[in-house]
Every structure is written in structure tokens, then in C-alpha cells.
Amino acid sequence: MAKGKGDQGGDRRAGRALTPQREAVLRVVNEAEEHLTANEIFEAARRLLPSISFATVYNSLKYLREAGFLREI
């Protein structure tokens, strides 16, 4: 996933705030110096939020892409 452009202060869809899980995934992607696989994002997100599951990471990536925070390459 590539970093998106634009405001990262909140969710662009319906004005909702990002969940802690989505924030962790977005933080991992934004702080990465290279492109990461979903598994690499999961491993890094678990260091920030130990209870996060792989399914949550995968669904968060999909959501963040659809909301315009990330773009798939």
C-alpha cells in the first residue's frame, strides 16, 4: 500500500473518527520507509496494538484505501 495524500486527522467518510485499529495500521504504513505486505503491516501493528488480528488489519487496509487514506500499488 502506498501512502495517500490529504488530511489524516480523521475519517473522510461521514465525519467519523478512525478506530484505534485503523489508526495503528495507518501509522505503520505512514512510518514505513518501503512498501509493506499485509503480513508485515500486521506484525508491526501488533507491536502497537497487541490485540489486533490479521483480519482486522486486512479489513482496515481495505477501508483506508476506499476512504482515500491509502492507494494500492
PDB file of N, CA and C in Angstrom:
ATOM      1  N   MET A   1       0.840  -1.176   0.000  1.00  0.00           N
ATOM      2  CA  MET A   1       0.000   0.000   0.000  1.00  0.00           C
ATOM      3  C   MET A   1       0.883   1.237   0.000  1.00  0.00           C
ATOM      4  N   ALA A   2       0.446   2.215  -0.717  1.00  0.00           N
ATOM      5  CA  ALA A   2       1.162   3.471  -0.765  1.00  0.00           C
ATOM      6  C   ALA A   2       0.452   4.483   0.120  1.00  0.00           C
ATOM      7  N   LYS A   3       1.209   5.440   0.587  1.00  0.00           N
ATOM      8  CA  LYS A   3       0.649   6.471   1.429  1.00  0.00           C
ATOM      9  C   LYS A   3      -0.266   7.360   0.598  1.00  0.00           C
ATOM     10  N   GLY A   4      -1.366   7.734   1.183  1.00  0.00           N
ATOM     11  CA  GLY A   4      -2.293   8.622   0.499  1.00  0.00           C
ATOM     12  C   GLY A   4      -1.933  10.070   0.751  1.00  0.00           C
ATOM     13  N   LYS A   5      -2.525  10.935  -0.043  1.00  0.00           N
ATOM     14  CA  LYS A   5      -2.329  12.364   0.149  1.00  0.00           C
ATOM     15  C   LYS A   5      -3.559  12.914   0.835  1.00  0.00           C
ATOM     16  N   GLY A   6      -3.364  13.931   1.630  1.00  0.00           N
ATOM     17  CA  GLY A   6      -4.505  14.587   2.229  1.00  0.00           C
ATOM     18  C   GLY A   6      -4.478  14.531   3.741  1.00  0.00           C
ATOM     19  N   ASP A   7      -5.544  15.039   4.312  1.00  0.00           N
ATOM     20  CA  ASP A   7      -5.670  15.133   5.757  1.00  0.00           C
ATOM     21  C   ASP A   7      -5.763  13.749   6.382  1.00  0.00           C
ATOM     22  N   GLN A   8      -4.995  13.546   7.430  1.00  0.00           N
ATOM     23  CA  GLN A   8      -5.054  12.284   8.141  1.00  0.00           C
ATOM     24  C   GLN A   8      -5.578  12.485   9.552  1.00  0.00           C
ATOM     25  N   GLY A   9      -6.235  13.625   9.778  1.00  0.00           N
ATOM     26  CA  GLY A   9      -6.743  13.926  11.100  1.00  0.00           C
ATOM     27  C   GLY A   9      -8.073  13.271  11.420  1.00  0.00           C
ATOM     28  N   GLY A  10      -8.689  12.648  10.460  1.00  0.00           N
ATOM     29  CA  GLY A  10      -9.963  11.995  10.728  1.00  0.00           C
ATOM     30  C   GLY A  10     -10.455  11.291   9.488  1.00  0.00           C
ATOM     31  N   ASP A  11     -11.523  10.588   9.659  1.00  0.00           N
ATOM     32  CA  ASP A  11     -12.115   9.809   8.584  1.00  0.00           C
ATOM     33  C   ASP A  11     -12.863  10.727   7.634  1.00  0.00           C
ATOM     34  N   ARG A  12     -12.658  10.557   6.344  1.00  0.00           N
ATOM     35  CA  ARG A  12     -13.330  11.381   5.353  1.00  0.00           C
ATOM     36  C   ARG A  12     -14.745  10.909   5.081  1.00  0.00           C
ATOM     37  N   ARG A  13     -15.104   9.723   5.504  1.00  0.00           N
ATOM     38  CA  ARG A  13     -16.442   9.197   5.248  1.00  0.00           C
ATOM     39  C   ARG A  13     -17.336   9.483   6.441  1.00  0.00           C
ATOM     40  N   ALA A  14     -18.360  10.266   6.209  1.00  0.00           N
ATOM     41  CA  ALA A  14     -19.379  10.558   7.217  1.00  0.00           C
ATOM     42  C   ALA A  14     -18.815  11.231   8.469  1.00  0.00           C
ATOM     43  N   GLY A  15     -17.616  11.785   8.405  1.00  0.00           N
ATOM     44  CA  GLY A  15     -17.052  12.516   9.519  1.00  0.00           C
ATOM     45  C   GLY A  15     -16.718  11.692  10.742  1.00  0.00           C
ATOM     46  N   ARG A  16     -16.649  10.369  10.594  1.00  0.00           N
ATOM     47  CA  ARG A  16     -16.347   9.513  11.740  1.00  0.00           C
ATOM     48  C   ARG A  16     -14.841   9.492  12.005  1.00  0.00           C
ATOM     49  N   ALA A  17     -14.475   9.356  13.273  1.00  0.00           N
ATOM     50  CA  ALA A  17     -13.068   9.238  13.646  1.00  0.00           C
ATOM     51  C   ALA A  17     -12.579   7.836  13.305  1.00  0.00           C
ATOM     52  N   LEU A  18     -11.317   7.722  13.015  1.00  0.00           N
ATOM     53  CA  LEU A  18     -10.735   6.405  12.769  1.00  0.00           C
ATOM     54  C   LEU A  18     -10.683   5.613  14.070  1.00  0.00           C
ATOM     55  N   THR A  19     -10.900   4.319  13.966  1.00  0.00           N
ATOM     56  CA  THR A  19     -10.794   3.449  15.139  1.00  0.00           C
ATOM     57  C   THR A  19      -9.326   3.328  15.528  1.00  0.00           C
ATOM     58  N   PRO A  20      -9.036   2.922  16.756  1.00  0.00           N
ATOM     59  CA  PRO A  20      -7.641   2.716  17.153  1.00  0.00           C
ATOM     60  C   PRO A  20      -6.930   1.702  16.246  1.00  0.00           C
ATOM     61  N   GLN A  21      -7.658   0.687  15.799  1.00  0.00           N
ATOM     62  CA  GLN A  21      -7.055  -0.314  14.924  1.00  0.00           C
ATOM     63  C   GLN A  21      -6.673   0.298  13.584  1.00  0.00           C
ATOM     64  N   ARG A  22      -7.566   1.076  13.008  1.00  0.00           N
ATOM     65  CA  ARG A  22      -7.272   1.726  11.721  1.00  0.00           C
ATOM     66  C   ARG A  22      -6.153   2.742  11.873  1.00  0.00           C
ATOM     67  N   GLU A  23      -6.147   3.451  12.985  1.00  0.00           N
ATOM     68  CA  GLU A  23      -5.063   4.405  13.234  1.00  0.00           C
ATOM     69  C   GLU A  23      -3.722   3.691  13.326  1.00  0.00           C
ATOM     70  N   ALA A  24      -3.686   2.529  13.973  1.00  0.00           N
ATOM     71  CA  ALA A  24      -2.439   1.770  14.092  1.00  0.00           C
ATOM     72  C   ALA A  24      -1.954   1.316  12.725  1.00  0.00           C
ATOM     73  N   VAL A  25      -2.868   0.807  11.906  1.00  0.00           N
ATOM     74  CA  VAL A  25      -2.495   0.359  10.560  1.00  0.00           C
ATOM     75  C   VAL A  25      -1.992   1.543   9.739  1.00  0.00           C
ATOM     76  N   LEU A  26      -2.693   2.652   9.789  1.00  0.00           N
ATOM     77  CA  LEU A  26      -2.282   3.839   9.035  1.00  0.00           C
ATOM     78  C   LEU A  26      -0.925   4.344   9.515  1.00  0.00           C
ATOM     79  N   ARG A  27      -0.713   4.323  10.811  1.00  0.00           N
ATOM     80  CA  ARG A  27       0.587   4.757  11.366  1.00  0.00           C
ATOM     81  C   ARG A  27       1.721   3.875  10.853  1.00  0.00           C
ATOM     82  N   VAL A  28       1.509   2.566  10.859  1.00  0.00           N
ATOM     83  CA  VAL A  28       2.535   1.638  10.373  1.00  0.00           C
ATOM     84  C   VAL A  28       2.880   1.940   8.916  1.00  0.00           C
ATOM     85  N   VAL A  29       1.864   2.104   8.096  1.00  0.00           N
ATOM     86  CA  VAL A  29       2.096   2.363   6.669  1.00  0.00           C
ATOM     87  C   VAL A  29       2.801   3.697   6.472  1.00  0.00           C
ATOM     88  N   ASN A  30       2.343   4.729   7.183  1.00  0.00           N
ATOM     89  CA  ASN A  30       2.938   6.054   7.014  1.00  0.00           C
ATOM     90  C   ASN A  30       4.378   6.130   7.509  1.00  0.00           C
ATOM     91  N   GLU A  31       4.724   5.336   8.500  1.00  0.00           N
ATOM     92  CA  GLU A  31       6.085   5.371   9.041  1.00  0.00           C
ATOM     93  C   GLU A  31       7.040   4.434   8.314  1.00  0.00           C
ATOM     94  N   ALA A  32       6.521   3.594   7.441  1.00  0.00           N
ATOM     95  CA  ALA A  32       7.370   2.649   6.712  1.00  0.00           C
ATOM     96  C   ALA A  32       8.189   3.387   5.663  1.00  0.00           C
ATOM     97  N   GLU A  33       9.415   2.942   5.505  1.00  0.00           N
ATOM     98  CA  GLU A  33      10.295   3.534   4.505  1.00  0.00           C
ATOM     99  C   GLU A  33      10.210   2.804   3.174  1.00  0.00           C
ATOM    100  N   GLU A  34       9.508   1.676   3.175  1.00  0.00           N
ATOM    101  CA  GLU A  34       9.330   0.900   1.956  1.00  0.00           C
ATOM    102  C   GLU A  34       7.926   0.327   1.942  1.00  0.00           C
ATOM    103  N   HIS A  35       7.528  -0.250   0.826  1.00  0.00           N
ATOM    104  CA  HIS A  35       6.212  -0.870   0.731  1.00  0.00           C
ATOM    105  C   HIS A  35       6.199  -2.150   1.557  1.00  0.00           C
ATOM    106  N   LEU A  36       5.119  -2.347   2.290  1.00  0.00           N
ATOM    107  CA  LEU A  36       4.999  -3.498   3.174  1.00  0.00           C
ATOM    108  C   LEU A  36       3.893  -4.425   2.684  1.00  0.00           C
ATOM    109  N   THR A  37       4.055  -5.698   2.977  1.00  0.00           N
ATOM    110  CA  THR A  37       2.985  -6.650   2.722  1.00  0.00           C
ATOM    111  C   THR A  37       1.969  -6.541   3.857  1.00  0.00           C
ATOM    112  N   ALA A  38       0.799  -7.125   3.652  1.00  0.00           N
ATOM    113  CA  ALA A  38      -0.218  -7.123   4.709  1.00  0.00           C
ATOM    114  C   ALA A  38       0.313  -7.818   5.959  1.00  0.00           C
ATOM    115  N   ASN A  39       1.081  -8.886   5.781  1.00  0.00           N
ATOM    116  CA  ASN A  39       1.638  -9.595   6.934  1.00  0.00           C
ATOM    117  C   ASN A  39       2.650  -8.727   7.685  1.00  0.00           C
ATOM    118  N   GLU A  40       3.466  -7.986   6.971  1.00  0.00           N
ATOM    119  CA  GLU A  40       4.432  -7.088   7.617  1.00  0.00           C
ATOM    120  C   GLU A  40       3.707  -5.972   8.375  1.00  0.00           C
ATOM    121  N   ILE A  41       2.634  -5.465   7.791  1.00  0.00           N
ATOM    122  CA  ILE A  41       1.836  -4.440   8.466  1.00  0.00           C
ATOM    123  C   ILE A  41       1.221  -5.023   9.730  1.00  0.00           C
ATOM    124  N   PHE A  42       0.712  -6.249   9.633  1.00  0.00           N
ATOM    125  CA  PHE A  42       0.138  -6.930  10.790  1.00  0.00           C
ATOM    126  C   PHE A  42       1.159  -7.068  11.914  1.00  0.00           C
ATOM    127  N   GLU A  43       2.356  -7.525  11.583  1.00  0.00           N
ATOM    128  CA  GLU A  43       3.384  -7.710  12.608  1.00  0.00           C
ATOM    129  C   GLU A  43       3.732  -6.392  13.290  1.00  0.00           C
ATOM    130  N   ALA A  44       3.856  -5.319  12.513  1.00  0.00           N
ATOM    131  CA  ALA A  44       4.185  -4.015  13.089  1.00  0.00           C
ATOM    132  C   ALA A  44       3.011  -3.453  13.888  1.00  0.00           C
ATOM    133  N   ALA A  45       1.796  -3.641  13.402  1.00  0.00           N
ATOM    134  CA  ALA A  45       0.610  -3.142  14.110  1.00  0.00           C
ATOM    135  C   ALA A  45       0.426  -3.861  15.440  1.00  0.00           C
ATOM    136  N   ARG A  46       0.792  -5.127  15.499  1.00  0.00           N
ATOM    137  CA  ARG A  46       0.676  -5.878  16.771  1.00  0.00           C
ATOM    138  C   ARG A  46       1.613  -5.334  17.829  1.00  0.00           C
ATOM    139  N   ARG A  47       2.717  -4.734  17.416  1.00  0.00           N
ATOM    140  CA  ARG A  47       3.614  -4.106  18.394  1.00  0.00           C
ATOM    141  C   ARG A  47       2.960  -2.858  18.988  1.00  0.00           C
ATOM    142  N   LEU A  48       2.112  -2.196  18.201  1.00  0.00           N
ATOM    143  CA  LEU A  48       1.403  -1.014  18.688  1.00  0.00           C
ATOM    144  C   LEU A  48       0.121  -1.379  19.430  1.00  0.00           C
ATOM    145  N   LEU A  49      -0.533  -2.424  18.949  1.00  0.00           N
ATOM    146  CA  LEU A  49      -1.835  -2.824  19.473  1.00  0.00           C
ATOM    147  C   LEU A  49      -1.882  -4.349  19.506  1.00  0.00           C
ATOM    148  N   PRO A  50      -1.385  -4.945  20.589  1.00  0.00           N
ATOM    149  CA  PRO A  50      -1.220  -6.409  20.648  1.00  0.00           C
ATOM    150  C   PRO A  50      -2.479  -7.226  20.375  1.00  0.00           C
ATOM    151  N   SER A  51      -3.641  -6.672  20.587  1.00  0.00           N
ATOM    152  CA  SER A  51      -4.875  -7.434  20.394  1.00  0.00           C
ATOM    153  C   SER A  51      -5.382  -7.433  18.951  1.00  0.00           C
ATOM    154  N   ILE A  52      -4.725  -6.710  18.063  1.00  0.00           N
ATOM    155  CA  ILE A  52      -5.205  -6.607  16.684  1.00  0.00           C
ATOM    156  C   ILE A  52      -5.039  -7.950  15.965  1.00  0.00           C
ATOM    157  N   SER A  53      -6.011  -8.291  15.144  1.00  0.00           N
ATOM    158  CA  SER A  53      -5.952  -9.553  14.395  1.00  0.00           C
ATOM    159  C   SER A  53      -5.559  -9.284  12.945  1.00  0.00           C
ATOM    160  N   PHE A  54      -5.143 -10.340  12.265  1.00  0.00           N
ATOM    161  CA  PHE A  54      -4.790 -10.201  10.850  1.00  0.00           C
ATOM    162  C   PHE A  54      -6.020  -9.772  10.050  1.00  0.00           C
ATOM    163  N   ALA A  55      -7.174 -10.331  10.361  1.00  0.00           N
ATOM    164  CA  ALA A  55      -8.395  -9.961   9.638  1.00  0.00           C
ATOM    165  C   ALA A  55      -8.697  -8.471   9.808  1.00  0.00           C
ATOM    166  N   THR A  56      -8.483  -7.952  11.004  1.00  0.00           N
ATOM    167  CA  THR A  56      -8.708  -6.531  11.246  1.00  0.00           C
ATOM    168  C   THR A  56      -7.745  -5.680  10.436  1.00  0.00           C
ATOM    169  N   VAL A  57      -6.491  -6.091  10.371  1.00  0.00           N
ATOM    170  CA  VAL A  57      -5.505  -5.362   9.564  1.00  0.00           C
ATOM    171  C   VAL A  57      -5.930  -5.379   8.100  1.00  0.00           C
ATOM    172  N   TYR A  58      -6.281  -6.540   7.610  1.00  0.00           N
ATOM    173  CA  TYR A  58      -6.681  -6.676   6.213  1.00  0.00           C
ATOM    174  C   TYR A  58      -7.907  -5.816   5.910  1.00  0.00           C
ATOM    175  N   ASN A  59      -8.912  -5.875   6.774  1.00  0.00           N
ATOM    176  CA  ASN A  59     -10.115  -5.060   6.589  1.00  0.00           C
ATOM    177  C   ASN A  59      -9.823  -3.569   6.740  1.00  0.00           C
ATOM    178  N   SER A  60      -8.900  -3.220   7.624  1.00  0.00           N
ATOM    179  CA  SER A  60      -8.512  -1.817   7.794  1.00  0.00           C
ATOM    180  C   SER A  60      -7.822  -1.292   6.552  1.00  0.00           C
ATOM    181  N   LEU A  61      -6.967  -2.105   5.952  1.00  0.00           N
ATOM    182  CA  LEU A  61      -6.307  -1.692   4.723  1.00  0.00           C
ATOM    183  C   LEU A  61      -7.330  -1.422   3.621  1.00  0.00           C
ATOM    184  N   LYS A  62      -8.312  -2.292   3.518  1.00  0.00           N
ATOM    185  CA  LYS A  62      -9.373  -2.112   2.522  1.00  0.00           C
ATOM    186  C   LYS A  62     -10.134  -0.820   2.799  1.00  0.00           C
ATOM    187  N   TYR A  63     -10.511  -0.623   4.045  1.00  0.00           N
ATOM    188  CA  TYR A  63     -11.254   0.578   4.426  1.00  0.00           C
ATOM    189  C   TYR A  63     -10.429   1.846   4.149  1.00  0.00           C
ATOM    190  N   LEU A  64      -9.171   1.845   4.563  1.00  0.00           N
ATOM    191  CA  LEU A  64      -8.322   3.025   4.390  1.00  0.00           C
ATOM    192  C   LEU A  64      -8.096   3.340   2.910  1.00  0.00           C
ATOM    193  N   ARG A  65      -8.037   2.306   2.089  1.00  0.00           N
ATOM    194  CA  ARG A  65      -7.922   2.517   0.639  1.00  0.00           C
ATOM    195  C   ARG A  65      -9.201   3.137   0.102  1.00  0.00           C
ATOM    196  N   GLU A  66     -10.338   2.562   0.463  1.00  0.00           N
ATOM    197  CA  GLU A  66     -11.623   3.066  -0.026  1.00  0.00           C
ATOM    198  C   GLU A  66     -11.918   4.482   0.471  1.00  0.00           C
ATOM    199  N   ALA A  67     -11.436   4.821   1.659  1.00  0.00           N
ATOM    200  CA  ALA A  67     -11.652   6.156   2.245  1.00  0.00           C
ATOM    201  C   ALA A  67     -10.658   7.182   1.715  1.00  0.00           C
ATOM    202  N   GLY A  68      -9.673   6.734   0.943  1.00  0.00           N
ATOM    203  CA  GLY A  68      -8.721   7.661   0.346  1.00  0.00           C
ATOM    204  C   GLY A  68      -7.470   7.924   1.154  1.00  0.00           C
ATOM    205  N   PHE A  69      -7.274   7.203   2.244  1.00  0.00           N
ATOM    206  CA  PHE A  69      -6.065   7.380   3.054  1.00  0.00           C
ATOM    207  C   PHE A  69      -4.864   6.692   2.447  1.00  0.00           C
ATOM    208  N   LEU A  70      -5.114   5.596   1.722  1.00  0.00           N
ATOM    209  CA  LEU A  70      -4.057   4.821   1.092  1.00  0.00           C
ATOM    210  C   LEU A  70      -4.452   4.534  -0.345  1.00  0.00           C
ATOM    211  N   ARG A  71      -3.437   4.208  -1.158  1.00  0.00           N
ATOM    212  CA  ARG A  71      -3.738   3.731  -2.503  1.00  0.00           C
ATOM    213  C   ARG A  71      -2.959   2.454  -2.715  1.00  0.00           C
ATOM    214  N   GLU A  72      -3.568   1.552  -3.435  1.00  0.00           N
ATOM    215  CA  GLU A  72      -2.955   0.255  -3.703  1.00  0.00           C
ATOM    216  C   GLU A  72      -2.049   0.393  -4.915  1.00  0.00           C
ATOM    217  N   ILE A  73      -0.867  -0.231  -4.822  1.00  0.00           N
ATOM    218  CA  ILE A  73       0.044  -0.197  -5.971  1.00  0.00           C
ATOM    219  C   ILE A  73       0.338  -1.596  -6.445  1.00  0.00           C
TER     220      ILE A  73
END
